[in-house]
Amino acid sequence: MLSKHIVNITQNFNEQLQFYTQMLDLSVRQLRLLEEGGGVVKAEEINLLLLERQKLMEIISRLNKLNKNIQNIITAELNMDEFVLTRLESEIEDAQYQDLKMLVAKLGETLRTISDNDEKSQLMMKQGLRPVFRQNPRVKNEHASNAYKQAMKQTVPKTER
């Protein structure tokens, strides 16, 4: 049964990675919009990107909840306090462990890149787009970071303890 749960977690992380990759693409598009705009970017364009990111986060959040439920089942079966990847190494097949380890690393790298892009975008908006955002109160600097903050709240399992 443990093997089945690991397969489900791996599939779930693969799905999350696909959506986070889309999120990364949107963060790159947002950054390019800001860079190419030279301080003049229509708030509507940024708002559309942020809405797309929010939709992705809703999907990722549902996937993450499902993944956490499976993790909880595994921790109960193995009498673990929390889901820690290295503790699974001796409990599952090596190929499963390596796949899971690789996925967790890719997820972490993708989230870090999204974070970096969002930090750059926020800085550009704070420095050069204040007049544009004042004209459209729906879009504020905080919106640019909301998708990232939500992404970082998604729990990627710890790799060691």
Protein backbone atom coordinates (compact mmCIF):
# COMPACT_ATOMS: atom_id res chain seq x y z
CA MET A 1 0.00 0.00 0.00
CA LEU A 2 2.88 2.36 0.76
CA SER A 3 4.13 2.03 -2.81
CA LYS A 4 0.71 3.08 -4.14
CA HIS A 5 0.72 6.17 -1.92
CA ILE A 6 4.20 7.11 -3.12
CA VAL A 7 3.04 6.75 -6.73
CA ASN A 8 0.09 9.05 -5.96
CA ILE A 9 2.32 11.64 -4.30
CA THR A 10 4.74 11.52 -7.22
CA GLN A 11 1.93 11.98 -9.73
CA ASN A 12 0.55 14.85 -7.67
CA PHE A 13 3.93 16.58 -7.49
CA ASN A 14 4.29 16.14 -11.26
CA GLU A 15 0.95 17.87 -11.76
CA GLN A 16 1.95 20.64 -9.36
CA LEU A 17 5.23 21.07 -11.24
CA GLN A 18 3.33 21.50 -14.51
CA PHE A 19 1.20 24.25 -13.00
CA TYR A 20 4.16 25.90 -11.29
CA THR A 21 5.96 25.86 -14.65
CA GLN A 22 2.99 27.74 -16.11
CA MET A 23 3.23 30.12 -13.15
CA LEU A 24 6.92 30.60 -13.90
CA ASP A 25 6.12 31.44 -17.51
CA LEU A 26 3.59 34.03 -16.33
CA SER A 27 6.12 35.53 -13.93
CA VAL A 28 8.59 35.85 -16.82
CA ARG A 29 5.91 37.49 -19.00
CA GLN A 30 5.09 39.90 -16.18
CA LEU A 31 8.74 40.80 -15.71
CA ARG A 32 9.21 41.33 -19.46
CA LEU A 33 6.14 43.55 -19.61
CA LEU A 34 7.61 45.71 -16.89
CA GLU A 35 11.10 45.76 -18.40
CA GLU A 36 9.93 46.52 -21.93
CA GLY A 37 7.45 49.12 -20.78
CA GLY A 38 10.15 51.42 -19.48
CA GLY A 39 7.92 52.47 -16.63
CA VAL A 40 4.78 52.67 -18.78
CA VAL A 41 2.74 49.51 -18.50
CA LYS A 42 -1.02 49.34 -18.58
CA ALA A 43 -2.37 48.06 -15.33
CA GLU A 44 -4.90 45.95 -17.24
CA GLU A 45 -2.12 43.83 -18.74
CA ILE A 46 -0.57 43.17 -15.35
CA ASN A 47 -3.99 42.50 -13.86
CA LEU A 48 -4.74 39.86 -16.52
CA LEU A 49 -1.48 38.08 -15.74
CA LEU A 50 -2.24 38.20 -12.03
CA LEU A 51 -5.70 36.76 -12.62
CA GLU A 52 -4.17 33.87 -14.58
CA ARG A 53 -1.71 33.29 -11.76
CA GLN A 54 -4.53 33.30 -9.21
CA LYS A 55 -6.39 30.63 -11.19
CA LEU A 56 -3.25 28.49 -11.25
CA MET A 57 -2.83 28.93 -7.49
CA GLU A 58 -6.37 27.71 -6.88
CA ILE A 59 -5.59 24.52 -8.81
CA ILE A 60 -2.24 24.09 -7.06
CA SER A 61 -3.87 24.62 -3.68
CA ARG A 62 -6.35 21.78 -4.34
CA LEU A 63 -3.52 19.51 -5.49
CA ASN A 64 -1.49 20.40 -2.42
CA LYS A 65 -4.37 19.56 -0.06
CA LEU A 66 -4.73 16.16 -1.70
CA ASN A 67 -0.98 15.61 -1.47
CA LYS A 68 -0.94 16.55 2.22
CA ASN A 69 -3.69 14.01 2.89
CA ILE A 70 -1.62 11.28 1.27
CA GLN A 71 1.45 12.42 3.20
CA ASN A 72 -0.55 12.16 6.42
CA ILE A 73 -1.53 8.59 5.59
CA ILE A 74 2.12 7.70 4.97
CA THR A 75 3.32 9.35 8.16
CA ALA A 76 0.70 7.41 10.13
CA GLU A 77 1.63 4.11 8.46
CA LEU A 78 5.33 4.66 9.18
CA ASN A 79 4.85 6.23 12.64
CA MET A 80 6.61 9.41 11.51
CA ASP A 81 5.99 12.78 13.16
CA GLU A 82 6.10 14.54 9.79
CA PHE A 83 6.65 13.76 6.12
CA VAL A 84 10.41 13.94 5.61
CA LEU A 85 11.78 12.65 2.35
CA THR A 86 15.01 11.14 3.67
CA ARG A 87 13.06 9.04 6.16
CA LEU A 88 11.32 7.35 3.25
CA GLU A 89 14.54 6.25 1.59
CA SER A 90 14.76 2.95 3.47
CA GLU A 91 11.01 2.33 3.19
CA ILE A 92 10.44 2.59 -0.57
CA GLU A 93 12.06 1.38 -3.78
CA ASP A 94 15.16 3.31 -4.81
CA ALA A 95 13.64 4.35 -8.16
CA GLN A 96 10.59 5.79 -6.37
CA TYR A 97 12.78 7.60 -3.89
CA GLN A 98 14.99 9.08 -6.62
CA ASP A 99 11.96 10.23 -8.63
CA LEU A 100 10.42 11.87 -5.60
CA LYS A 101 13.71 13.49 -4.60
CA MET A 102 14.18 14.87 -8.12
CA LEU A 103 10.64 16.25 -8.19
CA VAL A 104 11.02 17.98 -4.84
CA ALA A 105 14.26 19.57 -6.06
CA LYS A 106 12.60 20.76 -9.29
CA LEU A 107 9.66 22.19 -7.36
CA GLY A 108 12.00 24.05 -5.04
CA GLU A 109 14.03 25.44 -7.94
CA THR A 110 10.90 26.53 -9.79
CA LEU A 111 9.51 28.26 -6.70
CA ARG A 112 12.81 30.07 -6.12
CA THR A 113 12.84 31.33 -9.71
CA ILE A 114 9.24 32.54 -9.43
CA SER A 115 10.20 34.28 -6.20
CA ASP A 116 13.19 35.98 -7.83
CA ASN A 117 11.08 37.15 -10.76
CA ASP A 118 8.39 38.48 -8.47
CA GLU A 119 10.88 40.37 -6.34
CA LYS A 120 12.25 42.05 -9.48
CA SER A 121 8.72 42.83 -10.68
CA GLN A 122 7.74 44.30 -7.33
CA LEU A 123 10.80 46.51 -7.27
CA MET A 124 10.12 47.76 -10.80
CA MET A 125 6.50 48.49 -9.96
CA LYS A 126 7.43 50.34 -6.80
CA GLN A 127 10.06 52.41 -8.57
CA GLY A 128 8.44 53.20 -11.87
CA LEU A 129 4.77 52.45 -12.05
CA ARG A 130 3.19 54.28 -9.16
CA PRO A 131 1.28 56.77 -11.36
CA VAL A 132 -0.15 53.98 -13.52
CA PHE A 133 -1.30 51.98 -10.52
CA ARG A 134 -2.88 55.01 -8.87
CA GLN A 135 -5.06 55.42 -11.95
CA ASN A 136 -6.34 51.87 -11.60
CA PRO A 137 -6.98 51.09 -7.92
CA ARG A 138 -7.84 47.45 -8.71
CA VAL A 139 -4.17 46.67 -9.26
CA LYS A 140 -1.70 47.33 -6.49
CA ASN A 141 1.90 46.37 -5.89
CA GLU A 142 0.78 43.76 -3.39
CA HIS A 143 -1.08 41.82 -6.09
CA ALA A 144 2.19 41.03 -7.84
CA SER A 145 3.48 39.24 -4.78
CA ASN A 146 0.26 37.44 -3.80
CA ALA A 147 0.72 34.59 -6.27
CA TYR A 148 4.28 34.06 -5.11
CA LYS A 149 3.37 34.23 -1.43
CA GLN A 150 0.65 31.67 -1.96
CA ALA A 151 3.07 29.46 -3.86
CA MET A 152 5.60 29.60 -1.06
CA LYS A 153 2.89 28.61 1.42
CA GLN A 154 2.49 25.36 -0.47
CA THR A 155 4.39 22.77 1.49
CA VAL A 156 7.14 20.95 -0.29
CA PRO A 157 8.33 18.11 1.95
CA LYS A 158 11.53 18.48 3.85
CA THR A 159 14.39 16.52 2.38
CA GLU A 160 16.29 15.82 5.57
CA ARG A 161 16.12 16.03 9.31
